[in-house]
N, C-alpha and C. Protein backbone atom coordinates (compact mmCIF):
# COMPACT_ATOMS: atom_id res chain seq x y z
N UNK A 1 -80.06 -4.76 -39.05
CA UNK A 1 -78.74 -5.46 -38.60
C UNK A 1 -77.97 -4.52 -38.67
N UNK A 2 -77.00 -4.71 -37.53
CA UNK A 2 -75.57 -3.98 -37.38
C UNK A 2 -74.90 -4.19 -38.31
N UNK A 3 -74.17 -2.97 -38.68
CA UNK A 3 -73.17 -2.97 -39.63
C UNK A 3 -71.75 -3.08 -39.10
N UNK A 4 -71.29 -4.18 -38.87
CA UNK A 4 -70.01 -4.21 -38.26
C UNK A 4 -68.89 -3.64 -38.96
N UNK A 5 -68.69 -3.39 -40.17
CA UNK A 5 -67.81 -2.98 -40.86
C UNK A 5 -67.62 -1.47 -40.40
N UNK A 6 -68.69 -0.95 -40.22
CA UNK A 6 -68.46 0.54 -39.94
C UNK A 6 -68.96 1.09 -38.57
N UNK A 7 -68.87 0.02 -37.56
CA UNK A 7 -69.39 0.43 -36.32
C UNK A 7 -68.18 1.10 -35.62
N UNK A 8 -68.29 1.99 -34.95
CA UNK A 8 -67.21 2.60 -34.41
C UNK A 8 -66.60 2.05 -33.22
N UNK A 9 -67.40 1.31 -32.37
CA UNK A 9 -66.70 0.65 -31.26
C UNK A 9 -65.86 -0.78 -31.95
N UNK A 10 -66.58 -1.53 -33.01
CA UNK A 10 -65.90 -2.67 -33.62
C UNK A 10 -64.46 -2.09 -34.14
N UNK A 11 -64.58 -0.97 -34.85
CA UNK A 11 -63.19 -0.28 -35.27
C UNK A 11 -62.32 0.03 -34.40
N UNK A 12 -62.66 0.66 -33.30
CA UNK A 12 -61.75 1.04 -32.31
C UNK A 12 -60.85 -0.17 -31.93
N UNK A 13 -61.80 -1.34 -31.31
CA UNK A 13 -61.39 -2.23 -30.85
C UNK A 13 -60.23 -3.01 -32.03
N UNK A 14 -60.74 -3.26 -33.23
CA UNK A 14 -60.01 -3.80 -34.34
C UNK A 14 -58.65 -3.10 -34.48
N UNK A 15 -58.76 -1.61 -34.56
CA UNK A 15 -57.53 -1.10 -34.58
C UNK A 15 -56.30 -1.14 -33.75
N UNK A 16 -56.94 -0.99 -32.25
CA UNK A 16 -56.28 -1.21 -31.32
C UNK A 16 -55.35 -2.73 -31.24
N UNK A 17 -56.20 -3.68 -31.54
CA UNK A 17 -55.66 -5.18 -31.71
C UNK A 17 -54.57 -5.17 -32.98
N UNK A 18 -54.94 -4.55 -33.98
CA UNK A 18 -53.85 -4.32 -35.01
C UNK A 18 -52.64 -3.61 -35.07
N UNK A 19 -52.71 -2.66 -34.31
CA UNK A 19 -51.74 -1.79 -33.81
C UNK A 19 -50.54 -2.43 -32.83
N UNK A 20 -51.27 -3.46 -31.93
CA UNK A 20 -50.76 -3.95 -30.96
C UNK A 20 -49.94 -5.05 -31.68
N UNK A 21 -50.60 -5.84 -32.38
CA UNK A 21 -49.93 -7.22 -33.28
C UNK A 21 -48.83 -6.50 -34.30
N UNK A 22 -49.05 -5.55 -34.79
CA UNK A 22 -47.90 -5.01 -35.56
C UNK A 22 -46.81 -4.28 -34.79
N UNK A 23 -47.30 -3.63 -33.46
CA UNK A 23 -46.17 -3.17 -32.74
C UNK A 23 -45.27 -4.22 -32.17
N UNK A 24 -45.97 -5.54 -31.87
CA UNK A 24 -45.27 -6.68 -31.38
C UNK A 24 -44.29 -7.50 -32.39
N UNK A 25 -44.66 -7.33 -33.49
CA UNK A 25 -44.00 -7.80 -34.67
C UNK A 25 -42.85 -6.93 -34.94
N UNK A 26 -42.89 -5.37 -34.71
CA UNK A 26 -41.64 -4.69 -34.89
C UNK A 26 -41.00 -4.61 -33.53
N UNK A 27 -41.46 -4.81 -32.33
CA UNK A 27 -40.61 -4.94 -31.07
C UNK A 27 -39.82 -6.12 -31.40
N UNK A 28 -40.22 -7.24 -31.87
CA UNK A 28 -39.50 -8.50 -31.85
C UNK A 28 -38.05 -8.42 -32.44
N UNK A 29 -37.77 -7.48 -33.41
CA UNK A 29 -36.71 -7.23 -33.83
C UNK A 29 -35.58 -6.89 -32.72
N UNK A 30 -36.10 -6.59 -31.73
CA UNK A 30 -35.43 -6.09 -30.46
C UNK A 30 -35.37 -6.93 -29.30
N UNK A 31 -36.10 -8.19 -29.68
CA UNK A 31 -36.15 -9.33 -28.53
C UNK A 31 -37.09 -8.83 -27.37
N UNK A 32 -38.08 -7.84 -27.77
CA UNK A 32 -39.14 -7.48 -26.85
C UNK A 32 -40.49 -7.49 -27.40
N UNK A 33 -41.30 -7.25 -26.34
CA UNK A 33 -42.84 -7.14 -26.85
C UNK A 33 -43.08 -5.55 -26.93
N UNK A 34 -44.34 -5.31 -27.76
CA UNK A 34 -44.66 -3.80 -27.88
C UNK A 34 -44.90 -3.29 -26.39
N UNK A 35 -45.39 -3.96 -25.32
CA UNK A 35 -45.60 -3.42 -24.10
C UNK A 35 -44.59 -3.26 -23.51
N UNK A 36 -43.41 -3.93 -23.69
CA UNK A 36 -42.03 -3.70 -22.86
C UNK A 36 -41.33 -2.36 -23.49
N UNK A 37 -41.48 -2.28 -24.87
CA UNK A 37 -41.17 -0.73 -25.60
C UNK A 37 -41.92 0.23 -25.10
N UNK A 38 -43.11 -0.09 -24.94
CA UNK A 38 -44.19 1.23 -24.53
C UNK A 38 -43.46 1.59 -23.10
N UNK A 39 -43.03 0.70 -22.34
CA UNK A 39 -42.69 0.90 -20.98
C UNK A 39 -41.22 1.72 -21.15
N UNK A 40 -40.74 1.37 -21.66
CA UNK A 40 -39.19 1.82 -21.96
C UNK A 40 -39.50 3.23 -22.16
N UNK A 41 -40.31 3.50 -23.51
CA UNK A 41 -40.55 4.92 -24.03
C UNK A 41 -41.24 6.01 -22.90
N UNK A 42 -42.28 5.26 -21.94
CA UNK A 42 -42.81 5.99 -21.08
C UNK A 42 -41.53 6.55 -20.11
N UNK A 43 -40.66 5.69 -19.51
CA UNK A 43 -39.59 5.92 -18.73
C UNK A 43 -38.71 6.89 -19.28
N UNK A 44 -38.47 6.72 -20.48
CA UNK A 44 -37.60 7.90 -20.90
C UNK A 44 -38.29 9.25 -21.03
N UNK A 45 -39.51 9.38 -21.23
CA UNK A 45 -40.21 10.50 -20.98
C UNK A 45 -40.33 11.06 -19.51
N UNK A 46 -40.55 10.09 -18.67
CA UNK A 46 -40.62 10.48 -17.24
C UNK A 46 -39.88 9.45 -16.58
N UNK A 47 -38.52 9.90 -16.17
CA UNK A 47 -37.90 8.84 -15.50
C UNK A 47 -38.27 9.00 -14.02
N UNK A 48 -37.95 8.14 -13.17
CA UNK A 48 -37.96 7.95 -11.80
C UNK A 48 -39.45 7.65 -11.41
N UNK A 49 -40.52 7.05 -12.22
CA UNK A 49 -41.65 6.58 -11.94
C UNK A 49 -41.59 5.44 -10.94
N UNK A 50 -42.58 5.37 -10.15
CA UNK A 50 -42.92 4.21 -9.53
C UNK A 50 -43.46 3.19 -10.31
N UNK A 51 -43.56 1.72 -9.91
CA UNK A 51 -44.29 0.69 -10.75
C UNK A 51 -45.85 1.20 -10.69
N UNK A 52 -46.29 1.54 -9.36
CA UNK A 52 -47.91 1.73 -9.61
C UNK A 52 -48.08 3.07 -10.50
N UNK A 53 -47.22 4.20 -10.62
CA UNK A 53 -47.43 5.37 -11.32
C UNK A 53 -47.39 5.06 -12.64
N UNK A 54 -46.38 3.93 -13.12
CA UNK A 54 -46.28 3.38 -14.29
C UNK A 54 -47.65 2.87 -14.77
N UNK A 55 -48.25 1.92 -14.04
CA UNK A 55 -49.38 1.06 -13.84
C UNK A 55 -50.52 2.17 -14.37
N UNK A 56 -50.60 3.21 -13.62
CA UNK A 56 -51.78 4.16 -13.53
C UNK A 56 -51.57 4.89 -14.88
N UNK A 57 -50.46 5.06 -15.38
CA UNK A 57 -50.14 6.03 -16.83
C UNK A 57 -50.35 5.10 -17.92
N UNK A 58 -50.08 3.70 -17.81
CA UNK A 58 -50.35 2.80 -19.11
C UNK A 58 -51.64 2.24 -19.03
N UNK A 59 -52.34 2.49 -17.87
CA UNK A 59 -53.40 1.59 -17.70
C UNK A 59 -53.31 0.18 -17.79
N UNK A 60 -52.26 -0.37 -17.00
CA UNK A 60 -52.37 -1.60 -16.98
C UNK A 60 -52.29 -2.21 -15.38
N UNK A 61 -52.52 -3.55 -15.15
CA UNK A 61 -52.68 -3.76 -13.79
C UNK A 61 -51.14 -3.67 -13.08
N UNK A 62 -51.11 -3.40 -11.86
CA UNK A 62 -49.83 -3.42 -11.33
C UNK A 62 -48.91 -4.56 -11.31
N UNK A 63 -49.61 -5.83 -11.28
CA UNK A 63 -48.82 -6.92 -11.56
C UNK A 63 -48.30 -7.29 -12.89
N UNK A 64 -49.15 -6.79 -13.96
CA UNK A 64 -48.83 -6.88 -15.18
C UNK A 64 -47.39 -5.91 -15.30
N UNK A 65 -47.50 -4.71 -14.77
CA UNK A 65 -46.18 -3.92 -15.09
C UNK A 65 -44.70 -4.49 -14.40
N UNK A 66 -45.25 -5.15 -13.05
CA UNK A 66 -44.18 -5.75 -12.33
C UNK A 66 -43.60 -6.74 -13.22
N UNK A 67 -44.20 -7.72 -14.03
CA UNK A 67 -43.80 -8.66 -14.84
C UNK A 67 -43.16 -8.29 -16.04
N UNK A 68 -43.44 -7.03 -16.45
CA UNK A 68 -43.09 -6.45 -17.62
C UNK A 68 -41.39 -5.79 -17.35
N UNK A 69 -41.70 -5.15 -15.81
CA UNK A 69 -40.34 -4.59 -15.59
C UNK A 69 -39.27 -5.61 -15.08
N UNK A 70 -39.88 -6.91 -14.71
CA UNK A 70 -39.07 -7.84 -14.29
C UNK A 70 -38.00 -8.40 -15.65
N UNK A 71 -38.87 -8.54 -16.47
CA UNK A 71 -38.19 -9.00 -17.72
C UNK A 71 -37.53 -7.83 -18.53
N UNK A 72 -37.60 -6.51 -18.18
CA UNK A 72 -36.58 -5.54 -18.62
C UNK A 72 -35.50 -5.16 -17.79
N UNK A 73 -35.71 -5.63 -16.56
CA UNK A 73 -34.63 -5.70 -15.70
C UNK A 73 -33.46 -6.81 -15.81
N UNK A 74 -34.14 -7.98 -16.36
CA UNK A 74 -33.47 -9.17 -16.82
C UNK A 74 -32.78 -8.96 -18.00
N UNK A 75 -33.01 -7.81 -18.87
CA UNK A 75 -32.40 -7.55 -20.11
C UNK A 75 -31.40 -6.62 -19.73
N UNK A 76 -31.33 -6.01 -18.37
CA UNK A 76 -30.52 -4.70 -18.31
C UNK A 76 -30.99 -3.62 -18.93
N UNK A 77 -32.12 -3.27 -18.95
CA UNK A 77 -32.69 -2.27 -19.53
C UNK A 77 -33.24 -1.27 -18.42
N UNK A 78 -33.87 -1.89 -17.29
CA UNK A 78 -34.36 -0.97 -16.44
C UNK A 78 -33.91 -1.38 -15.17
N UNK A 79 -33.65 -0.42 -14.08
CA UNK A 79 -33.09 -0.77 -12.76
C UNK A 79 -33.94 -0.33 -11.99
N UNK A 80 -34.54 -0.90 -10.80
CA UNK A 80 -35.38 -0.64 -9.84
C UNK A 80 -34.38 0.08 -8.64
N UNK A 81 -34.53 1.16 -8.18
CA UNK A 81 -34.03 2.06 -7.04
C UNK A 81 -34.66 2.55 -6.03
N UNK A 82 -34.29 2.16 -4.83
CA UNK A 82 -35.18 2.65 -3.64
C UNK A 82 -35.58 4.04 -3.60
N UNK A 83 -36.90 4.22 -3.32
CA UNK A 83 -37.22 5.80 -3.28
C UNK A 83 -36.60 6.26 -1.92
N UNK A 84 -36.06 7.31 -1.93
CA UNK A 84 -35.49 7.90 -0.91
C UNK A 84 -36.12 8.40 0.42
N UNK A 85 -37.67 8.75 0.19
CA UNK A 85 -38.73 9.09 0.83
C UNK A 85 -39.38 7.93 1.16
N UNK A 86 -39.57 6.78 0.62
CA UNK A 86 -40.39 5.87 0.89
C UNK A 86 -39.53 4.56 0.59
N UNK A 87 -39.14 3.98 1.62
CA UNK A 87 -38.32 2.31 1.65
C UNK A 87 -39.08 1.36 0.98
N UNK A 88 -40.34 1.40 0.93
CA UNK A 88 -41.30 0.40 0.48
C UNK A 88 -41.35 0.62 -1.05
N UNK A 89 -41.27 1.61 -1.65
CA UNK A 89 -41.21 1.85 -2.87
C UNK A 89 -40.08 1.91 -3.90
N UNK A 90 -40.31 1.18 -5.13
CA UNK A 90 -39.06 1.48 -6.20
C UNK A 90 -39.54 2.24 -7.22
N UNK A 91 -38.41 3.15 -7.43
CA UNK A 91 -38.20 4.14 -8.51
C UNK A 91 -37.68 3.52 -9.81
N UNK A 92 -37.98 3.58 -10.98
CA UNK A 92 -37.67 2.96 -11.99
C UNK A 92 -36.78 3.60 -12.72
N UNK A 93 -35.65 3.39 -13.20
CA UNK A 93 -34.58 4.16 -14.07
C UNK A 93 -34.23 3.41 -15.27
N UNK A 94 -34.02 4.06 -16.20
CA UNK A 94 -33.33 3.42 -17.74
C UNK A 94 -31.79 3.34 -17.24
N UNK A 95 -31.31 2.14 -17.74
CA UNK A 95 -29.96 1.89 -17.57
C UNK A 95 -29.46 2.43 -18.89
N UNK A 96 -28.00 2.51 -18.99
CA UNK A 96 -27.07 3.02 -20.27
C UNK A 96 -27.48 2.03 -21.44
N UNK A 97 -27.74 0.93 -21.27
CA UNK A 97 -28.11 0.12 -22.22
C UNK A 97 -29.41 0.53 -22.90
N UNK A 98 -30.64 0.76 -22.34
CA UNK A 98 -31.83 1.13 -22.33
C UNK A 98 -31.70 2.56 -23.38
N UNK A 99 -31.07 3.48 -22.81
CA UNK A 99 -30.51 5.07 -23.42
C UNK A 99 -30.19 4.69 -24.74
N UNK A 100 -29.19 3.77 -25.06
CA UNK A 100 -28.77 3.53 -26.29
C UNK A 100 -30.07 2.91 -27.27
N UNK A 101 -31.08 2.29 -26.92
CA UNK A 101 -31.97 1.92 -27.60
C UNK A 101 -33.31 3.08 -28.00
N UNK A 102 -33.05 4.45 -27.27
CA UNK A 102 -33.99 5.27 -27.30
C UNK A 102 -34.58 5.56 -28.93
N UNK A 103 -33.49 5.74 -29.42
CA UNK A 103 -33.29 6.27 -31.10
C UNK A 103 -34.16 4.97 -31.89
N UNK A 104 -33.92 3.84 -31.47
CA UNK A 104 -34.70 2.73 -32.23
C UNK A 104 -35.96 2.69 -31.83
N UNK A 105 -36.49 3.03 -30.50
CA UNK A 105 -37.57 2.93 -30.08
C UNK A 105 -38.55 4.15 -30.84
N UNK A 106 -37.89 5.48 -30.87
CA UNK A 106 -38.59 6.40 -31.86
C UNK A 106 -38.88 6.14 -32.88
N UNK A 107 -37.79 5.30 -33.73
CA UNK A 107 -38.15 4.97 -35.01
C UNK A 107 -39.27 4.08 -35.40
N UNK A 108 -39.17 3.32 -34.18
CA UNK A 108 -40.36 1.93 -34.32
C UNK A 108 -41.72 2.70 -34.20
N UNK A 109 -41.55 3.52 -33.19
CA UNK A 109 -43.05 4.30 -33.09
C UNK A 109 -43.22 5.25 -34.40
N UNK A 110 -42.50 5.83 -34.81
CA UNK A 110 -42.68 6.63 -36.11
C UNK A 110 -42.82 5.62 -37.19
N UNK A 111 -42.48 4.51 -37.38
CA UNK A 111 -42.85 3.68 -38.22
C UNK A 111 -44.51 3.20 -38.24
N UNK A 112 -44.75 2.59 -36.94
CA UNK A 112 -46.28 2.28 -36.61
C UNK A 112 -47.00 3.62 -36.88
N UNK A 113 -47.05 4.81 -36.28
CA UNK A 113 -47.72 5.73 -36.64
C UNK A 113 -47.88 6.11 -38.16
N UNK A 114 -46.88 6.08 -38.70
CA UNK A 114 -46.83 6.35 -40.10
C UNK A 114 -47.77 5.28 -41.05
N UNK A 115 -47.29 3.87 -40.59
CA UNK A 115 -48.21 2.87 -41.20
C UNK A 115 -49.67 3.17 -40.77
N UNK A 116 -49.79 3.59 -39.56
CA UNK A 116 -51.36 3.52 -39.14
C UNK A 116 -52.14 4.73 -39.83
N UNK A 117 -51.30 5.95 -39.95
CA UNK A 117 -52.08 7.18 -40.66
C UNK A 117 -51.69 7.43 -41.74
N UNK A 118 -51.34 6.46 -42.69
CA UNK A 118 -51.01 6.57 -43.96
C UNK A 118 -52.50 7.15 -44.84
N UNK A 119 -52.24 8.21 -45.67
CA UNK A 119 -53.41 8.60 -46.24
C UNK A 119 -54.45 9.63 -45.79
N UNK A 120 -54.34 9.70 -44.14
CA UNK A 120 -55.10 10.78 -43.36
C UNK A 120 -54.46 12.16 -43.19
N UNK A 121 -55.12 12.99 -43.67
CA UNK A 121 -54.78 14.53 -43.44
C UNK A 121 -54.38 14.81 -42.09
N UNK A 122 -53.24 15.65 -41.89
CA UNK A 122 -52.81 15.72 -40.46
C UNK A 122 -53.76 16.73 -39.75
N UNK A 123 -54.72 17.22 -40.29
CA UNK A 123 -55.73 18.25 -39.60
C UNK A 123 -56.96 17.25 -39.27
N UNK A 124 -56.86 16.23 -39.90
CA UNK A 124 -58.02 15.27 -39.30
C UNK A 124 -57.24 14.40 -38.35
N UNK A 125 -55.96 14.26 -38.16
CA UNK A 125 -55.32 13.37 -37.19
C UNK A 125 -55.57 14.09 -35.81
N UNK A 126 -55.47 15.45 -36.02
CA UNK A 126 -55.73 16.21 -34.63
C UNK A 126 -57.02 16.25 -34.02
N UNK A 127 -57.89 16.36 -34.86
CA UNK A 127 -59.71 16.25 -34.75
C UNK A 127 -59.58 14.41 -33.89
N UNK A 128 -59.15 13.78 -34.77
CA UNK A 128 -59.32 12.03 -34.40
C UNK A 128 -58.51 12.13 -32.90
N UNK A 129 -57.19 12.74 -32.58
CA UNK A 129 -56.90 12.67 -31.33
C UNK A 129 -57.79 13.40 -30.14
N UNK A 130 -58.34 14.39 -30.60
CA UNK A 130 -59.11 15.15 -29.50
C UNK A 130 -60.25 14.35 -29.32
N UNK A 131 -61.00 13.69 -30.26
CA UNK A 131 -62.11 12.81 -30.07
C UNK A 131 -61.74 11.61 -29.30
N UNK A 132 -60.50 11.13 -29.49
CA UNK A 132 -60.39 9.73 -28.67
C UNK A 132 -60.02 10.14 -27.38
N UNK A 133 -59.53 11.25 -27.33
CA UNK A 133 -59.06 11.84 -25.63
C UNK A 133 -60.43 12.03 -24.98
N UNK A 134 -61.36 12.74 -25.75
CA UNK A 134 -62.69 12.84 -25.06
C UNK A 134 -63.35 11.47 -24.80
N UNK A 135 -63.60 10.69 -25.66
CA UNK A 135 -63.91 9.20 -25.58
C UNK A 135 -63.56 8.89 -24.23
N UNK A 136 -62.08 8.77 -24.04
CA UNK A 136 -61.44 8.10 -22.93
C UNK A 136 -61.88 8.96 -21.84
N UNK A 137 -61.83 9.92 -21.68
CA UNK A 137 -62.37 10.63 -20.43
C UNK A 137 -63.80 10.48 -20.21
N UNK A 138 -64.72 10.16 -21.33
CA UNK A 138 -66.02 9.98 -20.88
C UNK A 138 -66.06 8.42 -20.18
N UNK A 139 -65.72 7.67 -21.00
CA UNK A 139 -65.60 6.54 -20.56
C UNK A 139 -64.95 6.12 -18.94
N UNK A 140 -63.98 6.79 -18.51
CA UNK A 140 -63.17 6.80 -17.44
C UNK A 140 -64.12 7.30 -16.34
N UNK A 141 -64.80 8.62 -16.79
CA UNK A 141 -65.62 9.32 -15.73
C UNK A 141 -66.83 8.41 -15.44
N UNK A 142 -67.41 7.62 -16.46
CA UNK A 142 -68.47 7.11 -16.30
C UNK A 142 -68.18 5.60 -15.19
N UNK A 143 -67.02 5.10 -15.54
CA UNK A 143 -66.48 4.04 -14.92
C UNK A 143 -66.40 4.48 -13.47
N UNK A 144 -65.75 5.61 -13.12
CA UNK A 144 -65.47 5.95 -11.76
C UNK A 144 -66.96 6.30 -11.26
N UNK A 145 -67.75 6.81 -11.77
CA UNK A 145 -69.01 7.25 -11.22
C UNK A 145 -69.87 5.95 -10.87
N UNK A 146 -69.87 4.75 -11.95
CA UNK A 146 -70.33 3.48 -11.44
C UNK A 146 -69.70 2.81 -10.41
N UNK A 147 -68.37 3.11 -10.25
CA UNK A 147 -67.82 2.31 -9.12
C UNK A 147 -67.94 2.85 -7.91
N UNK A 148 -68.39 4.39 -7.65
CA UNK A 148 -68.64 5.24 -6.66
C UNK A 148 -70.09 4.91 -6.08
N UNK A 149 -71.15 4.38 -7.29
CA UNK A 149 -72.34 4.18 -6.83
C UNK A 149 -72.54 2.75 -6.27
N UNK A 150 -71.75 1.63 -6.68
CA UNK A 150 -72.02 0.32 -6.15
C UNK A 150 -71.53 0.21 -5.00
N UNK A 151 -71.95 -1.05 -4.36
CA UNK A 151 -71.54 -1.33 -2.98
C UNK A 151 -70.06 -1.73 -3.06
N UNK A 152 -69.16 -0.98 -3.37
CA UNK A 152 -67.80 -1.28 -3.92
C UNK A 152 -67.14 -2.37 -3.30
N UNK A 153 -66.99 -3.47 -4.10
CA UNK A 153 -66.29 -4.39 -3.59
C UNK A 153 -64.63 -4.04 -3.89
N UNK A 154 -63.90 -5.03 -3.39
CA UNK A 154 -62.31 -5.05 -3.49
C UNK A 154 -61.82 -4.34 -4.88
N UNK A 155 -62.24 -5.51 -5.90
CA UNK A 155 -61.99 -5.13 -7.21
C UNK A 155 -62.35 -3.97 -7.61
N UNK A 156 -63.51 -3.47 -7.20
CA UNK A 156 -64.07 -2.27 -7.65
C UNK A 156 -63.35 -1.04 -7.43
N UNK A 157 -62.98 -1.32 -5.91
CA UNK A 157 -62.09 0.05 -5.29
C UNK A 157 -60.92 0.10 -5.85
N UNK A 158 -60.27 -1.07 -6.29
CA UNK A 158 -58.94 -1.02 -7.06
C UNK A 158 -58.97 -0.31 -8.53
N UNK A 159 -60.08 -0.82 -8.76
CA UNK A 159 -60.27 0.22 -10.53
C UNK A 159 -60.61 1.45 -9.97
N UNK A 160 -61.22 1.85 -8.97
CA UNK A 160 -61.45 3.24 -8.82
C UNK A 160 -60.10 3.89 -8.56
N UNK A 161 -58.99 3.44 -7.62
CA UNK A 161 -58.05 4.05 -7.23
C UNK A 161 -57.28 3.99 -8.36
N UNK A 162 -57.11 3.22 -9.50
CA UNK A 162 -56.09 3.21 -10.68
C UNK A 162 -56.64 4.49 -11.47
N UNK A 163 -58.09 4.57 -11.68
CA UNK A 163 -58.64 5.34 -12.63
C UNK A 163 -58.39 6.92 -11.74
N UNK A 164 -58.55 6.85 -10.70
CA UNK A 164 -58.53 8.18 -10.07
C UNK A 164 -57.09 8.91 -10.08
N UNK A 165 -55.92 7.98 -10.41
CA UNK A 165 -54.72 8.32 -10.36
C UNK A 165 -54.45 9.10 -11.90
N UNK A 166 -55.41 8.68 -12.78
CA UNK A 166 -55.03 9.10 -14.16
C UNK A 166 -55.65 10.37 -14.61
N UNK A 167 -54.74 11.07 -14.87
CA UNK A 167 -54.90 12.57 -15.22
C UNK A 167 -55.68 12.74 -16.74
N UNK A 168 -56.92 13.50 -16.58
CA UNK A 168 -57.61 13.95 -17.79
C UNK A 168 -56.78 14.15 -19.10
N UNK A 169 -56.86 13.48 -20.11
CA UNK A 169 -56.16 13.59 -21.23
C UNK A 169 -56.60 14.66 -22.31
N UNK A 170 -57.88 15.24 -22.07
CA UNK A 170 -58.48 15.83 -23.29
C UNK A 170 -57.86 16.88 -23.70
N UNK A 171 -56.88 17.65 -22.78
CA UNK A 171 -56.30 19.05 -22.97
C UNK A 171 -55.06 18.70 -24.03
N UNK A 172 -54.58 17.53 -24.11
CA UNK A 172 -53.29 16.97 -24.91
C UNK A 172 -53.68 16.67 -26.30
N UNK A 173 -52.87 16.86 -27.18
CA UNK A 173 -53.08 16.55 -28.47
C UNK A 173 -51.91 15.61 -28.80
N UNK A 174 -52.07 14.35 -29.41
CA UNK A 174 -51.36 13.24 -29.81
C UNK A 174 -50.77 13.70 -31.14
N UNK A 175 -49.16 13.65 -31.29
CA UNK A 175 -48.86 13.65 -32.63
C UNK A 175 -47.81 12.67 -32.88
N UNK A 176 -47.39 12.30 -33.94
CA UNK A 176 -46.47 11.19 -34.37
C UNK A 176 -45.21 11.76 -33.87
């Protein structure tokens, strides 16, 4: 019988779900969702991204990112600006209101990180990050390979396009 309490795949899923739930609880203090705060954090790190670039980086569907950006725009946190090289594309910029939230977002991320990693040695965290990056790369590569082998339908083709825009992360190390 399978030991679900110690099954790595079950644990990965459970930890991700619990972190999203706790992240949403923390984000509600700012009247947002964790996904919206994640987008703000990404834009703070890499301004002038397009919605499609943001979708690829966050591994969310473009329509999901569009809805999240719509809400952030309503809150005057993000502004869509025409791309000077391609008038069909919008570049996303943080507004001054969002810039003032930057410190709060960093504090929220730090709190989530500290709660999630309490009792875990820093050297172990580095190893965990490298292993998780490798797992992500392994699954992404397999998904790309299988999309390429199949008689690629439209949905699979979209999946392949999204994944092909994602840079391998295995060389980066995550820190708090």
